[in-house]
Amino acid sequence: MLTKLLVVAFFLGAQLIISWYGFFLGKIPLSGTFFGLPYSSPAVGMFITQIKYLWVPIAINMLYGLGFHWGNASFGNFLIIIALWIAAAPIAAVIFNVAVVGEKIDILVILGLLLVTAGSVLVMAHKEIGALFSA
């Protein structure tokens, strides 16, 4: 059961890093210098940032890799792993927006988050829940 929770934690961690990185990339200046060469293009700035922060995509891919690896071992069903991976994105987005950006959440966001969380739990424990109904 611990590895199942770690799978969810890895996916949530990767999605939180993606949220932060997107927030960070959205604030990159349009011009600057790189090795003494000036540039004034957002595409060049993004490319240079990818080089400077290469560890970010590596960390994200490592978390995804661990999540999928342990997910296959724990759940034995790829559809469950993909559902958990997809469900981690809105949860991470709400956590990031509240904790970092400081945006307020309303009742609809809370309701949506509860539905996503409940759906994730149902997907994660579908065999155990099915066994309760068949007994």
C-alpha atoms as a PDB file:
ATOM      1  CA  MET A   1       0.000   0.000   0.000  1.00  0.00           C
ATOM      2  CA  LEU A   2       2.917   2.340   0.718  1.00  0.00           C
ATOM      3  CA  THR A   3       4.182   2.075  -2.846  1.00  0.00           C
ATOM      4  CA  LYS A   4       0.713   2.977  -4.140  1.00  0.00           C
ATOM      5  CA  LEU A   5       0.816   6.152  -2.064  1.00  0.00           C
ATOM      6  CA  LEU A   6       4.353   6.867  -3.264  1.00  0.00           C
ATOM      7  CA  VAL A   7       3.154   6.600  -6.870  1.00  0.00           C
ATOM      8  CA  VAL A   8       0.572   9.307  -6.182  1.00  0.00           C
ATOM      9  CA  ALA A   9       3.205  11.400  -4.354  1.00  0.00           C
ATOM     10  CA  PHE A  10       5.661  11.113  -7.274  1.00  0.00           C
ATOM     11  CA  PHE A  11       3.037  12.194  -9.804  1.00  0.00           C
ATOM     12  CA  LEU A  12       1.896  15.053  -7.582  1.00  0.00           C
ATOM     13  CA  GLY A  13       5.509  16.151  -7.039  1.00  0.00           C
ATOM     14  CA  ALA A  14       6.205  16.137 -10.773  1.00  0.00           C
ATOM     15  CA  GLN A  15       3.056  18.155 -11.463  1.00  0.00           C
ATOM     16  CA  LEU A  16       3.970  20.688  -8.760  1.00  0.00           C
ATOM     17  CA  ILE A  17       7.394  21.153 -10.353  1.00  0.00           C
ATOM     18  CA  ILE A  18       5.730  21.577 -13.758  1.00  0.00           C
ATOM     19  CA  SER A  19       3.387  24.213 -12.302  1.00  0.00           C
ATOM     20  CA  TRP A  20       6.306  26.092 -10.758  1.00  0.00           C
ATOM     21  CA  TYR A  21       8.387  25.839 -13.935  1.00  0.00           C
ATOM     22  CA  GLY A  22       5.543  27.152 -16.090  1.00  0.00           C
ATOM     23  CA  PHE A  23       4.999  30.028 -13.660  1.00  0.00           C
ATOM     24  CA  PHE A  24       8.740  30.734 -13.731  1.00  0.00           C
ATOM     25  CA  LEU A  25       8.998  30.545 -17.541  1.00  0.00           C
ATOM     26  CA  GLY A  26       6.121  32.973 -17.903  1.00  0.00           C
ATOM     27  CA  LYS A  27       8.199  35.649 -16.172  1.00  0.00           C
ATOM     28  CA  ILE A  28      11.442  35.275 -18.136  1.00  0.00           C
ATOM     29  CA  PRO A  29      12.654  38.586 -19.611  1.00  0.00           C
ATOM     30  CA  LEU A  30      12.395  38.881 -23.375  1.00  0.00           C
ATOM     31  CA  SER A  31      15.959  40.112 -23.759  1.00  0.00           C
ATOM     32  CA  GLY A  32      19.331  39.581 -22.149  1.00  0.00           C
ATOM     33  CA  THR A  33      22.831  38.362 -22.842  1.00  0.00           C
ATOM     34  CA  PHE A  34      24.228  34.872 -23.070  1.00  0.00           C
ATOM     35  CA  PHE A  35      28.008  34.423 -23.174  1.00  0.00           C
ATOM     36  CA  GLY A  36      28.249  38.125 -23.948  1.00  0.00           C
ATOM     37  CA  LEU A  37      25.896  37.934 -26.932  1.00  0.00           C
ATOM     38  CA  PRO A  38      22.732  40.022 -26.648  1.00  0.00           C
ATOM     39  CA  TYR A  39      19.348  38.592 -27.567  1.00  0.00           C
ATOM     40  CA  SER A  40      15.833  40.023 -27.658  1.00  0.00           C
ATOM     41  CA  SER A  41      13.690  37.036 -28.542  1.00  0.00           C
ATOM     42  CA  PRO A  42      11.421  35.064 -26.213  1.00  0.00           C
ATOM     43  CA  ALA A  43      12.313  31.871 -28.106  1.00  0.00           C
ATOM     44  CA  VAL A  44      16.026  32.417 -27.476  1.00  0.00           C
ATOM     45  CA  GLY A  45      15.331  33.264 -23.838  1.00  0.00           C
ATOM     46  CA  MET A  46      13.336  30.048 -23.416  1.00  0.00           C
ATOM     47  CA  PHE A  47      16.051  27.996 -25.095  1.00  0.00           C
ATOM     48  CA  ILE A  48      18.753  29.478 -22.860  1.00  0.00           C
ATOM     49  CA  THR A  49      16.588  28.914 -19.794  1.00  0.00           C
ATOM     50  CA  GLN A  50      16.150  25.259 -20.759  1.00  0.00           C
ATOM     51  CA  ILE A  51      19.926  24.917 -20.833  1.00  0.00           C
ATOM     52  CA  LYS A  52      20.409  26.746 -17.523  1.00  0.00           C
ATOM     53  CA  TYR A  53      17.699  24.761 -15.756  1.00  0.00           C
ATOM     54  CA  LEU A  54      18.246  21.366 -17.352  1.00  0.00           C
ATOM     55  CA  TRP A  55      17.847  19.744 -13.944  1.00  0.00           C
ATOM     56  CA  VAL A  56      14.129  20.636 -13.878  1.00  0.00           C
ATOM     57  CA  PRO A  57      13.007  18.409 -16.787  1.00  0.00           C
ATOM     58  CA  ILE A  58      15.373  15.720 -15.533  1.00  0.00           C
ATOM     59  CA  ALA A  59      13.778  15.837 -12.065  1.00  0.00           C
ATOM     60  CA  ILE A  60      10.290  15.758 -13.585  1.00  0.00           C
ATOM     61  CA  ASN A  61      11.141  12.758 -15.761  1.00  0.00           C
ATOM     62  CA  MET A  62      12.744  10.939 -12.837  1.00  0.00           C
ATOM     63  CA  LEU A  63       9.601  11.415 -10.738  1.00  0.00           C
ATOM     64  CA  TYR A  64       7.430  10.246 -13.632  1.00  0.00           C
ATOM     65  CA  GLY A  65       9.729   7.289 -14.218  1.00  0.00           C
ATOM     66  CA  LEU A  66       9.565   6.233 -10.574  1.00  0.00           C
ATOM     67  CA  GLY A  67       5.802   6.735 -10.536  1.00  0.00           C
ATOM     68  CA  PHE A  68       5.261   4.620 -13.634  1.00  0.00           C
ATOM     69  CA  HIS A  69       7.790   1.971 -12.568  1.00  0.00           C
ATOM     70  CA  TRP A  70       6.389   1.503  -9.075  1.00  0.00           C
ATOM     71  CA  GLY A  71       2.874   1.984 -10.410  1.00  0.00           C
ATOM     72  CA  ASN A  72       3.263  -0.966 -12.768  1.00  0.00           C
ATOM     73  CA  ALA A  73       4.627  -3.067  -9.920  1.00  0.00           C
ATOM     74  CA  SER A  74       1.918  -2.011  -7.446  1.00  0.00           C
ATOM     75  CA  PHE A  75      -1.216  -1.759  -9.554  1.00  0.00           C
ATOM     76  CA  GLY A  76      -0.458  -4.034 -12.490  1.00  0.00           C
ATOM     77  CA  ASN A  77      -2.840  -1.969 -14.612  1.00  0.00           C
ATOM     78  CA  PHE A  78      -1.573   0.819 -16.839  1.00  0.00           C
ATOM     79  CA  LEU A  79      -4.973   2.517 -17.076  1.00  0.00           C
ATOM     80  CA  ILE A  80      -4.956   3.084 -13.310  1.00  0.00           C
ATOM     81  CA  ILE A  81      -1.500   4.638 -13.479  1.00  0.00           C
ATOM     82  CA  ILE A  82      -2.498   6.985 -16.305  1.00  0.00           C
ATOM     83  CA  ALA A  83      -5.659   8.006 -14.424  1.00  0.00           C
ATOM     84  CA  LEU A  84      -3.597   8.865 -11.341  1.00  0.00           C
ATOM     85  CA  TRP A  85      -1.071  10.744 -13.471  1.00  0.00           C
ATOM     86  CA  ILE A  86      -3.832  12.814 -15.079  1.00  0.00           C
ATOM     87  CA  ALA A  87      -5.596  13.425 -11.746  1.00  0.00           C
ATOM     88  CA  ALA A  88      -2.401  14.802 -10.201  1.00  0.00           C
ATOM     89  CA  ALA A  89      -2.386  17.819 -12.552  1.00  0.00           C
ATOM     90  CA  PRO A  90      -5.484  19.696 -11.304  1.00  0.00           C
ATOM     91  CA  ILE A  91      -4.673  18.882  -7.692  1.00  0.00           C
ATOM     92  CA  ALA A  92      -1.141  20.248  -8.098  1.00  0.00           C
ATOM     93  CA  ALA A  93      -2.470  23.302  -9.940  1.00  0.00           C
ATOM     94  CA  VAL A  94      -4.816  24.207  -7.087  1.00  0.00           C
ATOM     95  CA  ILE A  95      -2.134  23.609  -4.446  1.00  0.00           C
ATOM     96  CA  PHE A  96       0.385  25.710  -6.391  1.00  0.00           C
ATOM     97  CA  ASN A  97      -2.057  28.544  -7.049  1.00  0.00           C
ATOM     98  CA  VAL A  98      -3.085  28.770  -3.411  1.00  0.00           C
ATOM     99  CA  ALA A  99       0.369  28.285  -1.860  1.00  0.00           C
ATOM    100  CA  VAL A 100       2.606  30.188  -4.287  1.00  0.00           C
ATOM    101  CA  VAL A 101       0.524  32.509  -6.435  1.00  0.00           C
ATOM    102  CA  GLY A 102      -1.871  33.367  -3.620  1.00  0.00           C
ATOM    103  CA  GLU A 103      -5.053  33.057  -5.649  1.00  0.00           C
ATOM    104  CA  LYS A 104      -8.298  32.518  -3.802  1.00  0.00           C
ATOM    105  CA  ILE A 105     -10.299  29.387  -4.423  1.00  0.00           C
ATOM    106  CA  ASP A 106     -14.065  29.232  -4.509  1.00  0.00           C
ATOM    107  CA  ILE A 107     -16.592  26.515  -3.794  1.00  0.00           C
ATOM    108  CA  LEU A 108     -16.541  25.202  -7.373  1.00  0.00           C
ATOM    109  CA  VAL A 109     -12.787  24.698  -7.268  1.00  0.00           C
ATOM    110  CA  ILE A 110     -13.100  22.909  -3.933  1.00  0.00           C
ATOM    111  CA  LEU A 111     -15.924  20.734  -5.276  1.00  0.00           C
ATOM    112  CA  GLY A 112     -13.923  19.898  -8.405  1.00  0.00           C
ATOM    113  CA  LEU A 113     -10.858  19.056  -6.346  1.00  0.00           C
ATOM    114  CA  LEU A 114     -12.916  16.797  -4.086  1.00  0.00           C
ATOM    115  CA  LEU A 115     -14.347  15.005  -7.124  1.00  0.00           C
ATOM    116  CA  VAL A 116     -10.891  14.517  -8.644  1.00  0.00           C
ATOM    117  CA  THR A 117      -9.536  13.262  -5.314  1.00  0.00           C
ATOM    118  CA  ALA A 118     -12.479  10.908  -4.804  1.00  0.00           C
ATOM    119  CA  GLY A 119     -12.075   9.636  -8.357  1.00  0.00           C
ATOM    120  CA  SER A 120      -8.376   9.041  -7.781  1.00  0.00           C
ATOM    121  CA  VAL A 121      -9.106   7.053  -4.634  1.00  0.00           C
ATOM    122  CA  LEU A 122     -11.750   5.015  -6.476  1.00  0.00           C
ATOM    123  CA  VAL A 123      -9.329   4.280  -9.308  1.00  0.00           C
ATOM    124  CA  MET A 124      -6.489   3.437  -6.945  1.00  0.00           C
ATOM    125  CA  ALA A 125      -8.568   1.104  -4.762  1.00  0.00           C
ATOM    126  CA  HIS A 126     -10.970  -0.232  -7.389  1.00  0.00           C
ATOM    127  CA  LYS A 127     -10.111  -3.888  -6.720  1.00  0.00           C
ATOM    128  CA  GLU A 128     -10.613  -3.521  -2.976  1.00  0.00           C
ATOM    129  CA  ILE A 129     -13.870  -1.609  -3.460  1.00  0.00           C
ATOM    130  CA  GLY A 130     -15.094  -4.173  -5.993  1.00  0.00           C
ATOM    131  CA  ALA A 131     -14.337  -6.966  -3.525  1.00  0.00           C
ATOM    132  CA  LEU A 132     -16.517  -5.235  -0.911  1.00  0.00           C
ATOM    133  CA  PHE A 133     -19.498  -5.178  -3.274  1.00  0.00           C
ATOM    134  CA  SER A 134     -19.084  -8.759  -4.473  1.00  0.00           C
ATOM    135  CA  ALA A 135     -18.874 -10.262  -0.980  1.00  0.00           C
END
